[in-house]
N, C-alpha and C. Protein backbone atom coordinates (compact mmCIF):
# COMPACT_ATOMS: atom_id res chain seq x y z
N MET A 1 0.98 -1.17 0.07
CA MET A 1 -0.02 0.01 -0.07
C MET A 1 0.88 1.29 -0.29
N LYS A 2 1.91 1.35 0.63
CA LYS A 2 2.87 2.28 0.87
C LYS A 2 3.05 2.84 -0.52
N THR A 3 3.54 2.06 -1.74
CA THR A 3 3.72 2.54 -3.14
C THR A 3 2.54 2.81 -3.77
N ALA A 4 1.55 2.03 -3.52
CA ALA A 4 0.35 2.72 -4.15
C ALA A 4 -0.03 4.25 -3.77
N LEU A 5 -0.15 4.41 -2.58
CA LEU A 5 -0.73 5.63 -2.08
C LEU A 5 -0.07 7.03 -2.94
N PRO A 6 1.46 7.00 -3.05
CA PRO A 6 1.72 8.06 -3.91
C PRO A 6 1.73 8.29 -5.07
N ILE A 7 1.55 7.12 -6.02
CA ILE A 7 0.98 6.83 -7.30
C ILE A 7 -0.45 7.40 -7.09
N LEU A 8 -1.20 7.02 -6.53
CA LEU A 8 -2.86 7.59 -6.65
C LEU A 8 -2.89 8.95 -6.12
N ILE A 9 -2.19 9.66 -5.05
CA ILE A 9 -1.89 10.99 -4.88
C ILE A 9 -1.68 11.70 -6.15
N LEU A 10 -0.77 11.25 -6.82
CA LEU A 10 -0.18 12.06 -8.17
C LEU A 10 -1.46 12.06 -9.03
N ALA A 11 -2.05 11.02 -9.18
CA ALA A 11 -3.23 10.93 -9.83
C ALA A 11 -4.49 12.11 -9.44
N LEU A 12 -4.55 11.84 -8.42
CA LEU A 12 -5.55 13.19 -7.59
C LEU A 12 -5.21 14.12 -7.89
N ALA A 13 -3.94 14.49 -7.93
CA ALA A 13 -3.47 16.11 -7.94
C ALA A 13 -3.54 16.39 -9.22
N THR A 14 -3.20 15.41 -10.22
CA THR A 14 -3.52 16.00 -11.66
C THR A 14 -5.14 15.93 -12.09
N SER A 15 -6.06 15.38 -11.49
CA SER A 15 -7.26 15.20 -11.95
C SER A 15 -8.00 16.04 -11.22
N LEU A 16 -7.67 16.81 -10.09
CA LEU A 16 -8.61 17.62 -9.50
C LEU A 16 -8.29 19.03 -10.10
N PRO A 17 -9.36 20.01 -10.18
CA PRO A 17 -9.42 21.43 -10.42
C PRO A 17 -8.63 22.32 -9.67
N ALA A 18 -7.88 23.14 -10.00
CA ALA A 18 -7.29 24.18 -9.00
C ALA A 18 -8.14 24.79 -8.52
N HIS A 19 -9.38 25.27 -8.86
CA HIS A 19 -10.08 26.01 -8.19
C HIS A 19 -11.74 25.81 -8.74
N SER A 20 -12.31 25.23 -7.90
CA SER A 20 -13.57 24.79 -8.52
C SER A 20 -14.73 25.90 -8.15
N ALA A 21 -15.81 26.00 -8.94
CA ALA A 21 -16.64 26.92 -8.30
C ALA A 21 -17.78 26.49 -7.68
N SER A 22 -17.77 25.09 -7.48
CA SER A 22 -18.49 24.36 -6.66
C SER A 22 -17.91 23.22 -6.16
N CYS A 23 -17.78 23.33 -4.71
CA CYS A 23 -17.27 22.45 -4.10
C CYS A 23 -18.13 21.27 -3.19
N ALA A 24 -18.00 19.96 -3.76
CA ALA A 24 -19.25 18.97 -3.40
C ALA A 24 -18.36 17.90 -3.74
N TRP A 25 -19.00 16.94 -2.78
CA TRP A 25 -18.50 15.44 -2.67
C TRP A 25 -18.74 14.77 -3.87
N SER A 26 -17.97 14.01 -4.35
CA SER A 26 -18.02 12.93 -5.58
C SER A 26 -17.37 11.84 -5.32
N ALA A 27 -17.95 10.64 -5.69
CA ALA A 27 -16.93 9.48 -5.89
C ALA A 27 -16.75 8.82 -7.13
N LYS A 28 -15.65 8.47 -7.64
CA LYS A 28 -15.52 8.21 -8.88
C LYS A 28 -14.00 7.54 -9.04
N MET A 29 -13.91 6.40 -10.02
CA MET A 29 -12.81 5.52 -10.01
C MET A 29 -11.55 6.51 -10.57
N GLU A 30 -10.38 6.36 -9.81
CA GLU A 30 -9.29 7.22 -10.18
C GLU A 30 -8.36 6.35 -10.74
N GLU A 31 -7.51 6.10 -11.47
CA GLU A 31 -6.17 5.38 -11.69
C GLU A 31 -5.21 5.31 -11.06
N ASP A 32 -4.63 4.26 -10.35
CA ASP A 32 -3.67 4.02 -9.57
C ASP A 32 -2.64 2.99 -9.87
N GLU A 33 -1.46 2.81 -9.69
CA GLU A 33 -0.41 1.96 -10.14
C GLU A 33 -0.94 0.51 -10.55
N GLY A 34 -1.70 0.16 -9.44
CA GLY A 34 -2.38 -1.28 -9.61
C GLY A 34 -3.52 -1.46 -10.31
N GLY A 35 -4.26 -0.06 -10.74
CA GLY A 35 -5.33 -0.21 -11.50
C GLY A 35 -6.02 0.78 -11.05
N SER A 36 -7.55 0.54 -11.08
CA SER A 36 -8.51 1.54 -10.52
C SER A 36 -8.86 1.65 -9.20
N VAL A 37 -9.11 2.84 -8.54
CA VAL A 37 -9.65 2.58 -7.13
C VAL A 37 -10.70 3.88 -6.73
N MET A 38 -11.67 3.37 -6.44
CA MET A 38 -12.70 4.37 -5.94
C MET A 38 -12.23 5.27 -5.00
N THR A 39 -12.45 6.79 -5.24
CA THR A 39 -12.19 7.69 -4.62
C THR A 39 -13.06 8.79 -4.49
N ALA A 40 -13.47 9.24 -3.22
CA ALA A 40 -14.42 10.28 -2.64
C ALA A 40 -13.75 11.38 -2.43
N SER A 41 -13.90 12.43 -2.92
CA SER A 41 -13.00 13.95 -2.70
C SER A 41 -13.90 14.92 -2.55
N VAL A 42 -13.80 15.96 -1.96
CA VAL A 42 -14.41 17.43 -1.92
C VAL A 42 -13.27 18.42 -1.97
N CYS A 43 -13.63 19.44 -2.40
CA CYS A 43 -12.67 20.70 -1.96
C CYS A 43 -13.57 21.68 -1.15
N GLY A 44 -12.42 22.69 -0.50
CA GLY A 44 -12.87 23.43 0.33
C GLY A 44 -11.88 24.53 0.63
N GLY A 45 -11.96 25.14 1.70
CA GLY A 45 -11.04 26.17 2.23
C GLY A 45 -11.41 27.57 1.43
N PRO A 46 -10.71 28.52 1.85
CA PRO A 46 -11.13 29.92 1.51
C PRO A 46 -11.14 30.30 0.13
N LYS A 47 -10.09 29.47 -0.40
CA LYS A 47 -9.96 29.62 -1.92
C LYS A 47 -10.32 28.40 -2.93
N GLY A 48 -10.89 27.16 -2.22
CA GLY A 48 -11.43 26.29 -2.63
C GLY A 48 -10.27 25.25 -3.35
N ASP A 49 -9.10 25.32 -3.01
CA ASP A 49 -8.14 24.66 -3.21
C ASP A 49 -7.66 23.77 -2.11
N ALA A 50 -8.19 23.63 -1.21
CA ALA A 50 -7.71 22.42 -0.15
C ALA A 50 -8.60 21.45 -0.79
N HIS A 51 -8.13 20.21 -0.17
CA HIS A 51 -8.92 18.94 -0.61
C HIS A 51 -9.02 17.67 0.63
N LEU A 52 -10.05 17.24 0.65
CA LEU A 52 -10.20 16.01 1.21
C LEU A 52 -10.25 14.79 0.36
N MET A 53 -9.66 13.63 0.49
CA MET A 53 -9.80 12.64 -0.36
C MET A 53 -9.94 11.29 0.48
N LEU A 54 -10.75 10.18 0.20
CA LEU A 54 -11.00 9.26 0.87
C LEU A 54 -10.59 7.79 -0.18
N THR A 55 -9.77 7.03 -0.11
CA THR A 55 -9.34 5.73 -0.88
C THR A 55 -9.65 4.73 0.19
N CYS A 56 -9.70 3.73 -0.63
CA CYS A 56 -9.60 2.25 0.33
C CYS A 56 -8.95 1.39 -0.05
N PHE A 57 -7.84 0.76 0.42
CA PHE A 57 -7.28 -0.61 -0.05
C PHE A 57 -7.66 -1.72 1.23
N ALA A 58 -6.91 -2.23 1.77
CA ALA A 58 -7.35 -3.06 3.05
C ALA A 58 -8.16 -2.15 4.24
N LYS A 59 -7.65 -0.80 4.29
CA LYS A 59 -8.39 -0.05 5.03
C LYS A 59 -8.58 1.34 4.46
N PRO A 60 -9.51 2.10 5.12
CA PRO A 60 -9.80 3.64 4.31
C PRO A 60 -8.39 4.31 4.65
N VAL A 61 -8.19 5.34 3.83
CA VAL A 61 -7.03 6.18 3.90
C VAL A 61 -7.64 7.50 3.57
N LEU A 62 -7.17 8.46 4.28
CA LEU A 62 -7.69 9.78 4.48
C LEU A 62 -6.65 10.71 3.77
N SER A 63 -6.70 11.54 2.81
CA SER A 63 -5.74 12.45 2.62
C SER A 63 -5.98 13.92 2.52
N TYR A 64 -5.28 14.96 3.25
CA TYR A 64 -5.90 16.19 3.30
C TYR A 64 -4.64 17.01 2.65
N ASP A 65 -5.24 17.58 1.59
CA ASP A 65 -4.41 18.72 0.97
C ASP A 65 -4.72 19.99 1.35
N LEU A 66 -3.83 20.86 1.86
CA LEU A 66 -3.86 22.04 2.60
C LEU A 66 -4.24 23.10 1.57
N GLY A 67 -3.76 22.77 0.12
CA GLY A 67 -3.91 23.60 -0.63
C GLY A 67 -2.83 24.62 -0.56
N ALA A 68 -2.89 25.98 -0.90
CA ALA A 68 -1.94 27.20 -1.07
C ALA A 68 -1.64 27.19 0.39
N ALA A 69 -2.41 27.35 1.25
CA ALA A 69 -2.22 27.62 2.65
C ALA A 69 -1.05 26.68 3.20
N GLY A 70 -0.89 25.52 2.79
CA GLY A 70 0.19 24.85 3.33
C GLY A 70 1.57 25.16 2.74
N GLY A 71 1.89 25.56 1.73
CA GLY A 71 3.36 26.03 1.24
C GLY A 71 3.82 24.62 1.07
N GLN A 72 5.07 24.70 0.90
CA GLN A 72 6.13 23.35 0.89
C GLN A 72 6.47 23.14 2.24
N LEU A 73 6.02 21.80 2.65
CA LEU A 73 6.16 21.09 4.04
C LEU A 73 7.45 20.65 4.13
N GLU A 74 7.99 20.40 5.38
CA GLU A 74 9.15 19.63 5.73
C GLU A 74 8.82 18.09 5.70
N PRO A 75 9.68 17.42 4.87
CA PRO A 75 9.68 16.10 4.75
C PRO A 75 9.59 15.43 6.37
N GLY A 76 8.99 14.60 6.57
CA GLY A 76 9.01 13.62 7.80
C GLY A 76 8.23 13.99 8.96
N ILE A 77 7.32 15.01 8.65
CA ILE A 77 6.56 15.63 9.89
C ILE A 77 5.26 15.06 10.01
N ASN A 78 4.73 15.44 11.02
CA ASN A 78 3.27 15.00 11.24
C ASN A 78 2.65 16.15 11.76
N ALA A 79 1.29 16.07 12.15
CA ALA A 79 0.54 17.00 12.84
C ALA A 79 -0.99 16.53 13.19
N SER A 80 -1.35 17.10 14.34
CA SER A 80 -2.79 16.59 14.72
C SER A 80 -3.67 17.56 14.28
N PHE A 81 -4.55 17.21 13.68
CA PHE A 81 -5.77 18.11 12.88
C PHE A 81 -7.09 17.56 13.81
N THR A 82 -7.82 18.75 14.04
CA THR A 82 -9.22 18.56 14.45
C THR A 82 -10.30 18.83 13.43
N PHE A 83 -11.01 17.68 13.38
CA PHE A 83 -12.40 17.83 12.35
C PHE A 83 -13.27 17.77 13.20
N LYS A 84 -14.43 19.11 13.06
CA LYS A 84 -15.53 19.24 13.34
C LYS A 84 -16.73 19.51 12.58
N ALA A 85 -17.80 18.72 12.95
CA ALA A 85 -19.19 18.97 12.29
C ALA A 85 -20.30 18.42 13.26
N GLY A 86 -21.49 19.04 13.17
CA GLY A 86 -22.61 18.53 13.71
C GLY A 86 -22.26 18.70 15.35
N GLY A 87 -21.68 19.48 15.72
CA GLY A 87 -21.56 19.47 17.37
C GLY A 87 -20.48 18.37 17.83
N LYS A 88 -19.70 17.60 17.16
CA LYS A 88 -18.84 16.67 17.27
C LYS A 88 -17.31 16.88 16.77
N SER A 89 -16.39 16.48 17.28
CA SER A 89 -14.86 16.65 17.18
C SER A 89 -14.29 15.47 17.32
N VAL A 90 -13.39 15.37 16.44
CA VAL A 90 -12.17 14.17 16.08
C VAL A 90 -10.85 14.94 15.83
N THR A 91 -10.12 14.52 16.75
CA THR A 91 -8.62 14.84 16.53
C THR A 91 -7.79 13.65 16.24
N ARG A 92 -7.00 13.68 15.04
CA ARG A 92 -6.35 12.57 14.56
C ARG A 92 -4.74 13.16 14.20
N LYS A 93 -3.91 12.43 14.14
CA LYS A 93 -2.63 12.61 14.08
C LYS A 93 -2.54 12.26 12.34
N LEU A 94 -2.01 13.19 11.27
CA LEU A 94 -1.92 12.79 10.06
C LEU A 94 -0.21 13.22 9.72
N ASP A 95 0.18 12.29 8.82
CA ASP A 95 1.56 12.01 8.63
C ASP A 95 1.67 12.74 7.16
N LEU A 96 2.60 13.55 6.93
CA LEU A 96 3.05 14.10 5.65
C LEU A 96 3.52 13.27 4.48
N GLU A 97 2.69 13.02 3.40
CA GLU A 97 3.35 12.31 2.23
C GLU A 97 4.11 13.36 1.38
N ALA A 98 5.41 13.48 1.81
CA ALA A 98 6.14 14.74 1.49
C ALA A 98 6.29 14.70 0.07
N MET A 99 6.35 13.82 -0.86
CA MET A 99 6.61 14.15 -2.24
C MET A 99 5.21 14.86 -2.78
N TYR A 100 4.22 14.31 -2.42
CA TYR A 100 3.07 15.41 -2.83
C TYR A 100 2.46 16.21 -2.00
N ASN A 101 3.04 16.70 -0.62
CA ASN A 101 2.52 17.68 0.14
C ASN A 101 1.09 17.54 0.76
N TYR A 102 0.97 16.26 1.14
CA TYR A 102 -0.41 15.80 1.79
C TYR A 102 -0.40 15.48 2.99
N PHE A 103 -1.25 15.58 3.90
CA PHE A 103 -1.23 14.72 5.01
C PHE A 103 -2.29 13.44 4.93
N THR A 104 -1.65 12.33 5.38
CA THR A 104 -2.79 11.17 5.28
C THR A 104 -2.76 10.58 6.39
N ALA A 105 -3.65 9.67 6.71
CA ALA A 105 -3.85 8.86 7.84
C ALA A 105 -4.89 7.40 7.39
N GLU A 106 -4.04 6.46 7.82
CA GLU A 106 -5.07 5.15 7.68
C GLU A 106 -6.07 5.16 8.95
N LEU A 107 -7.23 4.97 8.49
CA LEU A 107 -8.42 4.91 9.52
C LEU A 107 -8.58 3.37 9.81
N SER A 108 -9.37 3.16 10.85
CA SER A 108 -9.47 1.79 11.67
C SER A 108 -10.54 1.20 10.68
N GLY A 109 -11.59 1.69 9.88
CA GLY A 109 -12.31 0.99 9.17
C GLY A 109 -13.75 1.62 9.07
N PRO A 110 -14.66 1.20 8.59
CA PRO A 110 -15.93 1.80 8.00
C PRO A 110 -16.65 2.54 9.36
N ALA A 111 -16.22 1.97 10.53
CA ALA A 111 -16.99 2.67 11.60
C ALA A 111 -15.94 3.54 12.42
N ASP A 112 -14.76 3.91 11.81
CA ASP A 112 -14.06 5.13 12.56
C ASP A 112 -14.79 6.18 12.69
N PRO A 113 -14.53 6.74 13.81
CA PRO A 113 -15.51 7.85 14.11
C PRO A 113 -15.26 9.31 13.40
N LEU A 114 -13.96 9.01 12.63
CA LEU A 114 -13.61 10.33 11.72
C LEU A 114 -14.74 9.94 10.48
N LEU A 115 -14.99 8.75 10.17
CA LEU A 115 -15.63 8.70 8.82
C LEU A 115 -17.42 9.10 9.19
N ALA A 116 -17.67 8.76 10.23
CA ALA A 116 -18.98 8.92 10.97
C ALA A 116 -19.23 10.59 11.00
N LEU A 117 -18.12 11.21 11.35
CA LEU A 117 -18.30 12.66 11.51
C LEU A 117 -18.28 13.09 9.85
N LEU A 118 -17.68 12.79 9.19
CA LEU A 118 -17.65 13.46 7.65
C LEU A 118 -18.75 12.64 6.92
N ARG A 119 -19.52 11.78 7.49
CA ARG A 119 -20.76 11.68 6.77
C ARG A 119 -22.12 12.13 7.34
N GLY A 120 -21.72 13.42 8.18
CA GLY A 120 -22.80 14.11 8.71
C GLY A 120 -23.39 15.10 7.60
N LYS A 121 -24.08 16.43 8.21
CA LYS A 121 -24.77 17.40 7.47
C LYS A 121 -24.12 18.69 7.67
N GLY A 122 -24.13 19.52 6.82
CA GLY A 122 -23.71 20.86 6.91
C GLY A 122 -22.39 21.14 6.52
N GLU A 123 -21.32 21.32 7.32
CA GLU A 123 -20.02 21.66 6.96
C GLU A 123 -19.37 21.06 8.16
N ALA A 124 -17.83 20.81 7.80
CA ALA A 124 -17.09 20.11 8.42
C ALA A 124 -15.67 21.10 8.52
N THR A 125 -15.30 21.59 9.74
CA THR A 125 -13.96 22.43 9.68
C THR A 125 -12.88 21.48 10.00
N VAL A 126 -11.68 21.35 9.28
CA VAL A 126 -10.38 21.14 9.74
C VAL A 126 -9.35 21.98 10.20
N SER A 127 -8.87 21.95 11.26
CA SER A 127 -7.98 22.68 12.06
C SER A 127 -6.73 22.11 12.61
N ALA A 128 -5.63 22.98 12.40
CA ALA A 128 -4.34 22.72 13.32
C ALA A 128 -3.75 23.99 13.57
N ALA A 129 -3.31 23.90 14.86
CA ALA A 129 -2.71 25.43 15.07
C ALA A 129 -1.65 25.93 14.15
N LYS A 130 -0.81 25.22 13.78
CA LYS A 130 0.23 25.57 12.76
C LYS A 130 -0.31 25.98 11.42
N TYR A 131 -1.22 25.14 10.82
CA TYR A 131 -1.78 25.04 9.40
C TYR A 131 -3.37 25.96 9.14
N GLY A 132 -3.73 26.29 10.32
CA GLY A 132 -4.95 27.26 10.30
C GLY A 132 -6.43 26.42 9.98
N GLU A 133 -7.26 26.92 9.38
CA GLU A 133 -8.50 26.09 9.29
C GLU A 133 -9.26 26.10 7.94
N ALA A 134 -9.98 25.24 7.67
CA ALA A 134 -10.47 24.93 6.32
C ALA A 134 -11.87 24.23 6.71
N SER A 135 -12.75 24.74 5.70
CA SER A 135 -14.29 24.13 5.57
C SER A 135 -14.39 23.52 4.67
N PHE A 136 -15.24 22.51 4.57
CA PHE A 136 -15.55 21.54 3.46
C PHE A 136 -17.38 21.43 3.73
N PRO A 137 -17.76 21.49 2.70
CA PRO A 137 -19.20 20.98 2.86
C PRO A 137 -19.54 19.41 2.92
N LEU A 138 -20.59 19.06 3.61
CA LEU A 138 -20.79 17.59 3.66
C LEU A 138 -22.02 17.16 3.03
N LYS A 139 -22.34 17.86 1.98
CA LYS A 139 -23.73 17.37 1.22
C LYS A 139 -22.91 16.48 0.11
N GLY A 140 -23.67 15.37 0.24
CA GLY A 140 -23.15 14.13 -0.56
C GLY A 140 -22.20 13.39 -0.21
N SER A 141 -21.85 13.71 1.34
CA SER A 141 -20.48 12.60 1.59
C SER A 141 -20.97 11.60 2.17
N GLY A 142 -22.05 11.37 2.77
CA GLY A 142 -22.65 9.85 2.89
C GLY A 142 -22.65 8.69 1.79
N ALA A 143 -22.96 9.15 0.51
CA ALA A 143 -23.20 8.71 -0.84
C ALA A 143 -21.40 8.29 -1.35
N ALA A 144 -20.93 9.36 -1.02
CA ALA A 144 -19.65 9.07 -1.89
C ALA A 144 -18.81 8.46 -0.56
N ILE A 145 -18.56 8.49 0.45
CA ILE A 145 -17.84 7.66 1.26
C ILE A 145 -18.40 6.56 0.95
N GLY A 146 -19.68 6.10 1.02
CA GLY A 146 -20.33 4.67 0.98
C GLY A 146 -19.80 4.29 -0.16
N LYS A 147 -19.77 4.89 -1.30
CA LYS A 147 -19.26 3.93 -2.49
C LYS A 147 -17.57 3.55 -2.37
N VAL A 148 -16.67 4.48 -1.51
CA VAL A 148 -15.59 3.98 -1.40
C VAL A 148 -15.38 2.91 -0.26
N LEU A 149 -16.21 2.87 0.56
CA LEU A 149 -16.27 1.78 1.48
C LEU A 149 -16.79 0.42 1.06
N ALA A 150 -17.78 0.66 0.21
CA ALA A 150 -18.04 -0.37 -0.45
C ALA A 150 -16.91 -1.47 -1.28
N GLU A 151 -15.82 -0.66 -1.72
CA GLU A 151 -14.77 -1.00 -2.35
C GLU A 151 -13.65 -1.54 -1.61
N CYS A 152 -13.68 -1.46 -0.32
CA CYS A 152 -12.62 -1.60 0.63
C CYS A 152 -12.41 -3.13 0.61
N GLY A 153 -11.04 -3.65 0.46
CA GLY A 153 -10.55 -5.07 0.46
C GLY A 153 -11.08 -5.70 -0.78
N LYS A 154 -11.69 -5.07 -1.67
CA LYS A 154 -11.92 -5.76 -2.80
C LYS A 154 -10.43 -6.13 -3.83
N GLY A 155 -9.33 -5.44 -3.17
CA GLY A 155 -8.08 -5.68 -4.21
C GLY A 155 -7.76 -5.09 -5.49
N SER A 156 -8.62 -4.14 -5.71
CA SER A 156 -8.51 -3.46 -7.16
C SER A 156 -7.24 -2.81 -7.42
N GLY A 157 -6.32 -2.52 -6.16
CA GLY A 157 -5.24 -1.53 -6.25
C GLY A 157 -4.45 -1.99 -5.12
N GLY A 158 -3.01 -1.60 -5.29
CA GLY A 158 -2.18 -2.05 -4.64
C GLY A 158 -1.64 -3.43 -4.12
N GLU A 159 -1.99 -4.39 -5.03
CA GLU A 159 -1.70 -5.76 -4.77
C GLU A 159 -0.29 -6.02 -5.05
N ALA A 160 0.53 -6.75 -4.35
CA ALA A 160 1.84 -7.04 -4.39
C ALA A 160 2.14 -8.12 -5.82
N ASP A 161 2.87 -7.94 -6.41
CA ASP A 161 3.51 -8.77 -7.40
C ASP A 161 4.07 -10.04 -6.75
């Protein structure tokens, strides 16, 4: 999975618009080194250039692209981010995938509290003391995340040779 994730992140970075007029959740097949993988994504932040992306190999993986607010980050870092929505809050440590400048975390599975929060209604905010705050709409998140979770463990990507 470690080798498939950077390739997937590159595919996402080249396929997502730099600025979208409408930030809404979507789920679609994205190309990965090992084939296609279902990916749910949404844009947000003040300029619409931040992204949350969810993919699944054996377990769900959440990626957070800070957009222009992130600048060029130092390799090997991690940070605690707090996700808030619907009166609930989940704090999670995310590790930087330095080559693509995204923070990522492998989630425990479909029942992970962070996934439950992201399936809510309204808006989610993601914040860290050092990186500020970005807001993301949750409209359509339940369906998009459900499509990704339905593909978990099916082995469509990241298989070893």
